Amino acid sequence: MEDVTFESTSTDVERPELGHLPTWSVSTHKYGFGVDNLRDGNDNTFWQSEGPQPHTIDLSFPKRVFISAISLHTSHPRDDSYTPSKISIKAGTSIHDLQEVRFCEFSKPNGWMHIPLRPMDSSSEGQEIDGPPIPAHHLRILILANHLNGKDTHVRGLKVFGSPVQANAPSSLDASEANTPTRATAAGKRLLELGHDGLSDFTSQQFKMHEFIR
């Protein structure tokens, strides 16, 4: 069993939260307990699935982003057999080429669990450290099993994080642009103003779309 440590959301300010960028969807939901409850910031509400396992949460981003971790909020004391016990996290350029990047098992989790997609060695406090971010257009979280073999699941919140923001990062960038790997120079802000992304020799959307072979 892989141990996943609990972490306070007080560290959110160091990692840009990307949840406002994608389109969210879930495999199934009970009436009144839909996908919006994953993002409402209220720990007393939750998404409840209503169908066969695995239950899925899909995030489809309009452009490539760099994802370092997710945070999942669950409550075993309140949800009992609805509490996730095994999850798989997959990423890719679309739903057709998703690859598993993390698998975790939990034992009676309660609260926010910070889950790096590429964990580094644990810190002195026993918490996992975020490794290099994963580029993706699509992210899928699968609930594979629940506590006591429960059928449906409750998830009370979900956050998606990019790379930690550096102190000297240009403030004019949005969360997804601030997450691109650091290759830009001190002139990066000027390049962006000119329509250059700082990552390639292409300066127009028409040419940049052919920069990478998928």
Protein backbone atom coordinates (compact mmCIF):
# COMPACT_ATOMS: atom_id res chain seq x y z
CA MET A 1 0.00 0.00 0.00
CA GLU A 2 1.33 3.41 -0.92
CA ASP A 3 1.15 5.94 1.89
CA VAL A 4 -0.25 9.31 0.92
CA THR A 5 0.30 12.08 3.43
CA PHE A 6 -2.23 14.73 4.33
CA GLU A 7 -1.31 18.31 3.65
CA SER A 8 -2.99 21.59 4.53
CA THR A 9 -4.17 23.80 1.70
CA SER A 10 -2.07 26.60 3.19
CA THR A 11 0.57 25.69 0.57
CA ASP A 12 -1.81 26.47 -2.29
CA VAL A 13 -0.29 29.94 -2.71
CA GLU A 14 2.97 28.30 -3.85
CA ARG A 15 1.28 26.26 -6.56
CA PRO A 16 -1.11 27.87 -9.08
CA GLU A 17 -4.49 26.11 -9.02
CA LEU A 18 -5.62 25.22 -12.55
CA GLY A 19 -9.16 24.04 -11.86
CA HIS A 20 -10.76 27.07 -13.50
CA LEU A 21 -9.22 26.25 -16.90
CA PRO A 22 -10.67 22.85 -17.94
CA THR A 23 -14.11 21.54 -18.71
CA TRP A 24 -15.16 19.19 -15.89
CA SER A 25 -17.26 16.04 -16.26
CA VAL A 26 -17.99 12.89 -14.26
CA SER A 27 -18.99 9.37 -15.27
CA THR A 28 -22.28 9.44 -13.32
CA HIS A 29 -23.87 11.44 -10.53
CA LYS A 30 -26.86 11.27 -8.24
CA TYR A 31 -29.36 14.10 -8.72
CA GLY A 32 -28.28 17.10 -6.63
CA PHE A 33 -24.75 15.74 -6.08
CA GLY A 34 -23.09 16.59 -9.37
CA VAL A 35 -19.74 17.75 -10.66
CA ASP A 36 -20.24 21.33 -9.44
CA ASN A 37 -19.90 20.12 -5.86
CA LEU A 38 -16.27 19.27 -6.54
CA ARG A 39 -15.50 22.95 -7.10
CA ASP A 40 -17.85 24.83 -4.79
CA GLY A 41 -15.35 25.15 -1.93
CA ASN A 42 -17.85 23.69 0.54
CA ASP A 43 -16.65 20.66 2.51
CA ASN A 44 -20.24 19.81 3.43
CA THR A 45 -21.22 19.08 -0.18
CA PHE A 46 -19.91 16.29 -2.38
CA TRP A 47 -20.12 14.58 -5.73
CA GLN A 48 -21.83 11.20 -5.47
CA SER A 49 -21.55 8.68 -8.26
CA GLU A 50 -24.46 6.51 -9.33
CA GLY A 51 -23.35 3.62 -11.47
CA PRO A 52 -20.79 0.84 -11.88
CA GLN A 53 -17.14 1.22 -10.95
CA PRO A 54 -14.74 2.65 -11.84
CA HIS A 55 -16.10 6.15 -11.25
CA THR A 56 -14.30 8.87 -13.17
CA ILE A 57 -13.65 12.60 -13.02
CA ASP A 58 -12.45 14.09 -16.31
CA LEU A 59 -10.76 17.45 -16.83
CA SER A 60 -10.31 18.59 -20.43
CA PHE A 61 -8.02 21.62 -20.86
CA PRO A 62 -8.31 23.96 -23.87
CA LYS A 63 -4.51 23.96 -24.24
CA ARG A 64 -1.54 22.04 -22.89
CA VAL A 65 -0.80 22.67 -19.23
CA PHE A 66 1.86 21.35 -16.86
CA ILE A 67 0.38 19.52 -13.87
CA SER A 68 2.44 18.72 -10.79
CA ALA A 69 -0.18 17.44 -8.33
CA ILE A 70 -3.82 17.11 -7.36
CA SER A 71 -5.51 17.49 -3.98
CA LEU A 72 -8.48 15.30 -3.13
CA HIS A 73 -10.86 15.95 -0.23
CA THR A 74 -12.54 12.93 1.36
CA SER A 75 -14.08 12.24 4.78
CA HIS A 76 -14.16 8.68 6.05
CA PRO A 77 -15.87 9.63 9.37
CA ARG A 78 -18.81 11.09 7.44
CA ASP A 79 -18.88 8.93 4.31
CA ASP A 80 -17.83 5.46 5.57
CA SER A 81 -18.21 2.96 2.69
CA TYR A 82 -18.53 5.82 0.16
CA THR A 83 -14.90 6.82 0.86
CA PRO A 84 -12.40 6.12 -1.95
CA SER A 85 -9.74 3.54 -1.08
CA LYS A 86 -8.01 3.11 -4.46
CA ILE A 87 -7.55 5.70 -7.18
CA SER A 88 -5.70 5.90 -10.48
CA ILE A 89 -4.62 9.16 -12.12
CA LYS A 90 -4.16 9.24 -15.89
CA ALA A 91 -2.97 11.99 -18.22
CA GLY A 92 -2.63 12.46 -21.98
CA THR A 93 -3.32 14.66 -24.97
CA SER A 94 -6.90 13.32 -25.20
CA ILE A 95 -9.13 10.63 -23.75
CA HIS A 96 -7.76 8.25 -26.39
CA ASP A 97 -4.11 8.12 -25.23
CA LEU A 98 -4.34 8.38 -21.45
CA GLN A 99 -1.49 6.82 -19.49
CA GLU A 100 -1.52 6.05 -15.77
CA VAL A 101 0.86 8.37 -13.94
CA ARG A 102 -0.07 7.54 -10.34
CA PHE A 103 -1.86 4.83 -8.37
CA CYS A 104 -2.69 5.27 -4.68
CA GLU A 105 -4.37 3.33 -1.91
CA PHE A 106 -5.84 4.98 1.18
CA SER A 107 -6.83 3.80 4.64
CA LYS A 108 -9.74 5.79 6.11
CA PRO A 109 -8.64 9.19 4.71
CA ASN A 110 -10.09 12.35 6.22
CA GLY A 111 -9.32 15.79 4.83
CA TRP A 112 -7.30 17.13 1.92
CA MET A 113 -4.76 14.73 0.46
CA HIS A 114 -2.02 16.32 -1.65
CA ILE A 115 -0.92 13.80 -4.31
CA PRO A 116 2.10 14.69 -6.50
CA LEU A 117 1.93 13.08 -9.93
CA ARG A 118 5.71 12.53 -9.95
CA PRO A 119 6.63 12.38 -6.27
CA MET A 120 10.20 12.99 -5.21
CA ASP A 121 11.81 11.78 -1.99
CA SER A 122 9.71 12.56 1.07
CA SER A 123 10.55 15.62 3.13
CA SER A 124 11.70 15.43 6.75
CA GLU A 125 8.04 15.69 7.82
CA GLY A 126 7.20 12.56 5.79
CA GLN A 127 5.34 14.45 3.07
CA GLU A 128 5.93 13.77 -0.60
CA ILE A 129 7.60 16.52 -2.62
CA ASP A 130 6.31 17.54 -6.04
CA GLY A 131 8.56 16.36 -8.87
CA PRO A 132 8.68 17.55 -12.50
CA PRO A 133 5.23 18.47 -13.83
CA ILE A 134 3.48 16.40 -16.48
CA PRO A 135 2.33 18.10 -19.71
CA ALA A 136 -1.24 17.18 -20.57
CA HIS A 137 -4.43 18.28 -22.28
CA HIS A 138 -6.60 15.80 -20.41
CA LEU A 139 -6.58 14.49 -16.84
CA ARG A 140 -8.67 11.61 -15.52
CA ILE A 141 -9.10 10.51 -11.89
CA LEU A 142 -10.57 7.02 -11.51
CA ILE A 143 -12.11 5.78 -8.26
CA LEU A 144 -11.34 2.06 -8.49
CA ALA A 145 -12.58 0.96 -5.06
CA ASN A 146 -14.17 2.27 -1.87
CA HIS A 147 -13.81 1.49 1.81
CA LEU A 148 -15.54 -1.81 2.75
CA ASN A 149 -16.13 -2.47 -0.97
CA GLY A 150 -18.75 0.27 -1.20
CA LYS A 151 -20.37 0.73 -4.61
CA ASP A 152 -20.79 4.48 -5.07
CA THR A 153 -18.34 7.14 -3.97
CA HIS A 154 -18.23 10.57 -2.31
CA VAL A 155 -15.58 13.16 -3.20
CA ARG A 156 -15.92 16.49 -1.40
CA GLY A 157 -13.38 18.50 -3.35
CA LEU A 158 -10.72 18.35 -6.04
CA LYS A 159 -7.94 20.77 -6.91
CA VAL A 160 -5.35 20.59 -9.69
CA PHE A 161 -1.97 22.28 -9.36
CA GLY A 162 0.75 23.39 -11.73
CA SER A 163 4.40 23.92 -10.92
CA PRO A 164 5.32 26.05 -7.90
CA VAL A 165 5.44 29.69 -8.97
CA GLN A 166 8.86 31.32 -8.71
CA ALA A 167 9.11 34.62 -6.89
CA ASN A 168 10.30 36.40 -10.04
CA ALA A 169 7.66 34.92 -12.36
CA PRO A 170 5.94 37.60 -14.51
CA SER A 171 2.69 38.61 -12.85
CA SER A 172 0.97 39.14 -16.20
CA LEU A 173 0.91 35.41 -16.98
CA ASP A 174 -2.15 33.35 -16.29
CA ALA A 175 -1.88 30.16 -14.25
CA SER A 176 -1.30 27.84 -17.19
CA GLU A 177 1.44 29.96 -18.78
CA ALA A 178 3.21 30.36 -15.45
CA ASN A 179 3.50 26.58 -15.35
CA THR A 180 5.55 26.09 -18.49
CA PRO A 181 9.07 24.77 -17.85
CA THR A 182 11.57 27.54 -17.23
CA ARG A 183 13.37 28.08 -20.51
CA ALA A 184 12.62 31.76 -20.91
CA THR A 185 15.18 34.46 -20.18
CA ALA A 186 14.68 37.78 -18.43
CA ALA A 187 13.14 38.96 -21.69
CA GLY A 188 10.37 36.38 -21.41
CA LYS A 189 7.69 38.92 -20.57
CA ARG A 190 8.63 41.00 -23.59
CA LEU A 191 8.49 37.92 -25.83
CA LEU A 192 4.99 37.13 -24.61
CA GLU A 193 3.88 40.67 -25.36
CA LEU A 194 5.13 40.15 -28.91
CA GLY A 195 3.15 36.94 -29.27
CA HIS A 196 6.14 34.64 -28.70
CA ASP A 197 5.70 31.81 -26.19
CA GLY A 198 9.39 31.65 -25.23
CA LEU A 199 9.48 27.91 -25.98
CA SER A 200 9.95 27.80 -29.75
CA ASP A 201 10.78 29.84 -32.83
CA PHE A 202 7.11 30.10 -33.80
CA THR A 203 5.21 33.30 -33.09
CA SER A 204 1.75 32.58 -34.51
CA GLN A 205 -0.93 30.13 -33.37
CA GLN A 206 -1.10 28.66 -36.88
CA PHE A 207 2.57 27.63 -36.79
CA LYS A 208 2.79 26.79 -33.09
CA MET A 209 0.12 24.12 -33.50
CA HIS A 210 2.66 22.14 -35.57
CA GLU A 211 5.53 22.58 -33.11
CA PHE A 212 5.11 19.14 -31.53
CA ILE A 213 4.30 15.76 -33.05
CA ARG A 214 1.64 14.03 -30.99
